[in-house]
Amino acid sequence: MAPSPYDILGISPNADAAAIRGAYHRMALKYHPDKIQDPTKQAAGAEKFKDVQAAYGILKDSTKRATFD
């Protein structure tokens, strides 16, 4: 079973829009491929970054979030 968008961003299901946006920015900075200096970790970081983007795409849109919930 795939982790939920809430688990990926590390927030609770009742988080507000500001908490979602803040969690996305923290995770995006942490896993962005250009920010990872170690070449052996860049591929894993890029994959995690894609997951973070997908989770934020679901949670930032109230319609998609309601469908997911």
Protein backbone atom coordinates (compact mmCIF):
# COMPACT_ATOMS: atom_id res chain seq x y z
CA MET A 1 0.00 0.00 0.00
CA ALA A 2 1.33 3.40 -0.98
CA PRO A 3 1.78 6.03 1.73
CA SER A 4 -0.85 8.74 1.91
CA PRO A 5 -0.05 12.31 0.87
CA TYR A 6 -0.31 13.26 4.53
CA ASP A 7 2.36 10.73 5.46
CA ILE A 8 4.63 11.86 2.64
CA LEU A 9 4.48 15.49 3.77
CA GLY A 10 4.54 14.56 7.46
CA ILE A 11 1.34 16.40 8.40
CA SER A 12 -1.96 15.46 10.01
CA PRO A 13 -5.15 15.02 7.96
CA ASN A 14 -6.70 18.09 9.56
CA ALA A 15 -3.83 20.42 8.55
CA ASP A 16 -4.75 23.78 7.08
CA ALA A 17 -3.49 25.22 3.79
CA ALA A 18 -0.59 27.08 5.42
CA ALA A 19 0.66 23.92 7.14
CA ILE A 20 0.44 21.98 3.87
CA ARG A 21 2.34 24.66 1.99
CA GLY A 22 5.01 24.89 4.70
CA ALA A 23 5.49 21.13 4.82
CA TYR A 24 5.79 21.04 1.03
CA HIS A 25 8.45 23.75 1.00
CA ARG A 26 10.49 22.02 3.71
CA MET A 27 10.33 18.66 1.94
CA ALA A 28 11.01 20.17 -1.48
CA LEU A 29 14.16 21.89 -0.21
CA LYS A 30 15.29 18.68 1.47
CA TYR A 31 14.79 16.37 -1.52
CA HIS A 32 15.30 18.62 -4.55
CA PRO A 33 17.86 16.97 -6.85
CA ASP A 34 19.86 20.18 -7.20
CA LYS A 35 20.22 20.47 -3.41
CA ILE A 36 21.56 16.95 -2.85
CA GLN A 37 25.35 17.02 -3.08
CA ASP A 38 26.00 13.28 -2.76
CA PRO A 39 25.72 11.72 -6.26
CA THR A 40 24.78 8.34 -4.79
CA LYS A 41 21.70 9.83 -3.12
CA GLN A 42 20.53 12.02 -6.00
CA ALA A 43 18.38 9.34 -7.67
CA ALA A 44 16.60 8.44 -4.44
CA GLY A 45 16.14 12.12 -3.64
CA ALA A 46 14.70 12.80 -7.09
CA GLU A 47 12.19 9.97 -6.63
CA LYS A 48 11.20 11.26 -3.19
CA PHE A 49 10.89 14.77 -4.66
CA LYS A 50 8.41 13.46 -7.25
CA ASP A 51 6.38 11.87 -4.43
CA VAL A 52 6.39 15.16 -2.51
CA GLN A 53 5.20 17.05 -5.60
CA ALA A 54 2.41 14.54 -6.22
CA ALA A 55 1.27 14.71 -2.59
CA TYR A 56 1.21 18.49 -2.66
CA GLY A 57 -0.70 18.42 -5.95
CA ILE A 58 -3.44 16.41 -4.26
CA LEU A 59 -3.58 18.35 -1.01
CA LYS A 60 -3.34 21.90 -2.34
CA ASP A 61 -6.51 21.52 -4.43
CA SER A 62 -9.57 21.37 -2.19
CA THR A 63 -11.52 19.27 -4.72
CA LYS A 64 -8.77 16.66 -5.07
CA ARG A 65 -8.23 16.67 -1.31
CA ALA A 66 -11.93 16.03 -0.65
CA THR A 67 -11.89 13.19 -3.18
CA PHE A 68 -8.83 11.67 -1.52
CA ASP A 69 -10.27 11.97 1.98
